Amino acid sequence: MGGVTELFFIMILIAAFAFAPLGYFIYRFTKESGKPFGEIEPHGDSPSAVNDFAEKAIKFVQDKFAKK
């Protein structure tokens, strides 16, 4: 019966290490009132040269296809 008890404790230790990152994330999420890593900027709100270039390229291609 000692083998079952030892196995139980080993499995509890493995589970604790496996779920520790999830517990940490939940702790941080609830600590900051639903913001897990503090104030972060939402995606797409900041101007970007790459986004501007992509928009111009898409508009150019759309104009070329619209003329045909």
N, C-alpha and C. Protein backbone atom coordinates (compact mmCIF):
# COMPACT_ATOMS: atom_id res chain seq x y z
N MET A 1 0.81 -1.19 0.00
CA MET A 1 0.00 0.00 0.00
C MET A 1 0.86 1.26 0.00
N GLY A 2 2.10 1.13 0.42
CA GLY A 2 3.00 2.28 0.45
C GLY A 2 3.30 2.81 -0.93
N GLY A 3 3.30 1.92 -1.93
CA GLY A 3 3.57 2.35 -3.30
C GLY A 3 2.49 3.26 -3.85
N VAL A 4 1.25 2.99 -3.49
CA VAL A 4 0.14 3.81 -3.95
C VAL A 4 0.22 5.20 -3.33
N THR A 5 0.56 5.26 -2.04
CA THR A 5 0.68 6.55 -1.36
C THR A 5 1.82 7.37 -1.95
N GLU A 6 2.95 6.74 -2.19
CA GLU A 6 4.08 7.44 -2.80
C GLU A 6 3.71 7.95 -4.19
N LEU A 7 3.05 7.13 -4.96
CA LEU A 7 2.62 7.53 -6.30
C LEU A 7 1.66 8.71 -6.23
N PHE A 8 0.75 8.70 -5.24
CA PHE A 8 -0.20 9.79 -5.07
C PHE A 8 0.53 11.11 -4.83
N PHE A 9 1.49 11.11 -3.94
CA PHE A 9 2.22 12.33 -3.63
C PHE A 9 3.08 12.79 -4.81
N ILE A 10 3.65 11.87 -5.53
CA ILE A 10 4.44 12.24 -6.72
C ILE A 10 3.54 12.88 -7.78
N MET A 11 2.37 12.30 -7.96
CA MET A 11 1.43 12.87 -8.95
C MET A 11 0.93 14.25 -8.52
N ILE A 12 0.74 14.46 -7.23
CA ILE A 12 0.34 15.79 -6.72
C ILE A 12 1.45 16.80 -7.01
N LEU A 13 2.71 16.42 -6.80
CA LEU A 13 3.83 17.32 -7.08
C LEU A 13 3.92 17.65 -8.58
N ILE A 14 3.75 16.64 -9.42
CA ILE A 14 3.78 16.87 -10.87
C ILE A 14 2.66 17.81 -11.28
N ALA A 15 1.47 17.61 -10.74
CA ALA A 15 0.33 18.47 -11.08
C ALA A 15 0.57 19.90 -10.60
N ALA A 16 1.16 20.06 -9.42
CA ALA A 16 1.43 21.40 -8.90
C ALA A 16 2.40 22.15 -9.83
N PHE A 17 3.44 21.47 -10.29
CA PHE A 17 4.38 22.11 -11.20
C PHE A 17 3.76 22.37 -12.57
N ALA A 18 2.88 21.50 -13.01
CA ALA A 18 2.26 21.66 -14.33
C ALA A 18 1.28 22.83 -14.35
N PHE A 19 0.55 23.04 -13.27
CA PHE A 19 -0.46 24.09 -13.24
C PHE A 19 0.01 25.38 -12.58
N ALA A 20 1.26 25.46 -12.18
CA ALA A 20 1.79 26.67 -11.57
C ALA A 20 1.70 27.88 -12.52
N PRO A 21 2.04 27.76 -13.82
CA PRO A 21 1.91 28.93 -14.70
C PRO A 21 0.47 29.42 -14.82
N LEU A 22 -0.47 28.50 -14.86
CA LEU A 22 -1.88 28.89 -14.93
C LEU A 22 -2.29 29.62 -13.65
N GLY A 23 -1.87 29.12 -12.51
CA GLY A 23 -2.18 29.79 -11.25
C GLY A 23 -1.58 31.17 -11.18
N TYR A 24 -0.35 31.32 -11.67
CA TYR A 24 0.29 32.64 -11.69
C TYR A 24 -0.47 33.60 -12.60
N PHE A 25 -0.89 33.13 -13.77
CA PHE A 25 -1.64 33.98 -14.68
C PHE A 25 -2.96 34.42 -14.04
N ILE A 26 -3.67 33.51 -13.41
CA ILE A 26 -4.93 33.86 -12.75
C ILE A 26 -4.68 34.86 -11.63
N TYR A 27 -3.61 34.67 -10.88
CA TYR A 27 -3.25 35.61 -9.81
C TYR A 27 -3.02 37.00 -10.38
N ARG A 28 -2.22 37.10 -11.44
CA ARG A 28 -1.93 38.41 -12.04
C ARG A 28 -3.18 39.02 -12.66
N PHE A 29 -4.04 38.21 -13.26
CA PHE A 29 -5.25 38.70 -13.92
C PHE A 29 -6.21 39.29 -12.89
N THR A 30 -6.37 38.64 -11.77
CA THR A 30 -7.29 39.14 -10.75
C THR A 30 -6.69 40.29 -9.96
N LYS A 31 -5.38 40.36 -9.87
CA LYS A 31 -4.71 41.42 -9.12
C LYS A 31 -4.90 42.77 -9.81
N GLU A 32 -4.88 42.80 -11.11
CA GLU A 32 -4.95 44.05 -11.88
C GLU A 32 -6.36 44.33 -12.40
N SER A 33 -7.38 43.78 -11.79
CA SER A 33 -8.78 44.01 -12.17
C SER A 33 -9.04 43.66 -13.64
N GLY A 34 -8.60 42.50 -14.04
CA GLY A 34 -8.87 42.03 -15.40
C GLY A 34 -7.81 42.41 -16.41
N LYS A 35 -6.75 43.07 -15.99
CA LYS A 35 -5.65 43.41 -16.89
C LYS A 35 -4.43 42.63 -16.42
N PRO A 36 -4.11 41.51 -17.07
CA PRO A 36 -3.10 40.61 -16.52
C PRO A 36 -1.70 41.19 -16.48
N PHE A 37 -1.36 42.08 -17.37
CA PHE A 37 0.01 42.58 -17.41
C PHE A 37 0.05 44.10 -17.40
N GLY A 38 -0.91 44.73 -16.73
CA GLY A 38 -0.92 46.17 -16.62
C GLY A 38 -1.52 46.82 -17.85
N GLU A 39 -1.21 48.08 -18.05
CA GLU A 39 -1.73 48.83 -19.18
C GLU A 39 -0.99 48.43 -20.45
N ILE A 40 -1.73 47.93 -21.41
CA ILE A 40 -1.15 47.60 -22.70
C ILE A 40 -1.95 48.29 -23.78
N GLU A 41 -1.29 48.63 -24.87
CA GLU A 41 -1.95 49.31 -25.97
C GLU A 41 -2.62 48.28 -26.86
N PRO A 42 -3.89 48.48 -27.19
CA PRO A 42 -4.56 47.54 -28.09
C PRO A 42 -3.91 47.55 -29.48
N HIS A 43 -4.01 46.44 -30.15
CA HIS A 43 -3.42 46.34 -31.48
C HIS A 43 -4.18 47.19 -32.48
N GLY A 44 -3.45 47.83 -33.37
CA GLY A 44 -4.07 48.57 -34.46
C GLY A 44 -4.33 50.02 -34.15
N ASP A 45 -4.06 50.49 -32.94
CA ASP A 45 -4.34 51.88 -32.61
C ASP A 45 -3.17 52.81 -32.92
N SER A 46 -1.99 52.28 -33.03
CA SER A 46 -0.83 53.13 -33.26
C SER A 46 -0.52 53.20 -34.75
N PRO A 47 -0.09 54.37 -35.24
CA PRO A 47 0.26 54.48 -36.65
C PRO A 47 1.51 53.66 -36.97
N SER A 48 1.54 53.11 -38.16
CA SER A 48 2.66 52.27 -38.54
C SER A 48 2.98 52.51 -40.01
N ALA A 49 4.26 52.64 -40.32
CA ALA A 49 4.68 52.83 -41.71
C ALA A 49 4.35 51.60 -42.55
N VAL A 50 4.47 50.43 -41.97
CA VAL A 50 4.17 49.20 -42.69
C VAL A 50 2.68 49.12 -43.02
N ASN A 51 1.83 49.47 -42.05
CA ASN A 51 0.39 49.44 -42.29
C ASN A 51 0.00 50.46 -43.36
N ASP A 52 0.60 51.66 -43.29
CA ASP A 52 0.31 52.68 -44.30
C ASP A 52 0.70 52.21 -45.69
N PHE A 53 1.88 51.60 -45.79
CA PHE A 53 2.34 51.10 -47.09
C PHE A 53 1.41 50.00 -47.60
N ALA A 54 1.00 49.09 -46.71
CA ALA A 54 0.11 48.00 -47.12
C ALA A 54 -1.24 48.55 -47.59
N GLU A 55 -1.75 49.55 -46.90
CA GLU A 55 -3.02 50.14 -47.31
C GLU A 55 -2.90 50.80 -48.69
N LYS A 56 -1.78 51.50 -48.92
CA LYS A 56 -1.57 52.13 -50.23
C LYS A 56 -1.45 51.08 -51.34
N ALA A 57 -0.75 49.97 -51.05
CA ALA A 57 -0.58 48.91 -52.04
C ALA A 57 -1.92 48.25 -52.36
N ILE A 58 -2.72 48.00 -51.35
CA ILE A 58 -4.04 47.40 -51.57
C ILE A 58 -4.92 48.33 -52.38
N LYS A 59 -4.91 49.61 -52.06
CA LYS A 59 -5.72 50.59 -52.79
C LYS A 59 -5.26 50.67 -54.25
N PHE A 60 -3.94 50.62 -54.48
CA PHE A 60 -3.40 50.66 -55.84
C PHE A 60 -3.89 49.46 -56.66
N VAL A 61 -3.81 48.26 -56.07
CA VAL A 61 -4.24 47.05 -56.76
C VAL A 61 -5.75 47.09 -57.02
N GLN A 62 -6.51 47.56 -56.06
CA GLN A 62 -7.97 47.64 -56.24
C GLN A 62 -8.32 48.62 -57.36
N ASP A 63 -7.60 49.74 -57.43
CA ASP A 63 -7.84 50.70 -58.50
C ASP A 63 -7.51 50.11 -59.88
N LYS A 64 -6.42 49.35 -59.95
CA LYS A 64 -6.03 48.74 -61.24
C LYS A 64 -7.07 47.73 -61.71
N PHE A 65 -7.59 46.91 -60.77
CA PHE A 65 -8.60 45.92 -61.14
C PHE A 65 -9.94 46.57 -61.44
N ALA A 66 -10.24 47.66 -60.81
CA ALA A 66 -11.53 48.34 -61.01
C ALA A 66 -11.60 48.98 -62.39
N LYS A 67 -10.47 49.37 -62.97
CA LYS A 67 -10.43 50.04 -64.28
C LYS A 67 -10.66 49.06 -65.43
N LYS A 68 -10.41 47.78 -65.21
CA LYS A 68 -10.53 46.79 -66.30
C LYS A 68 -11.91 46.41 -66.55
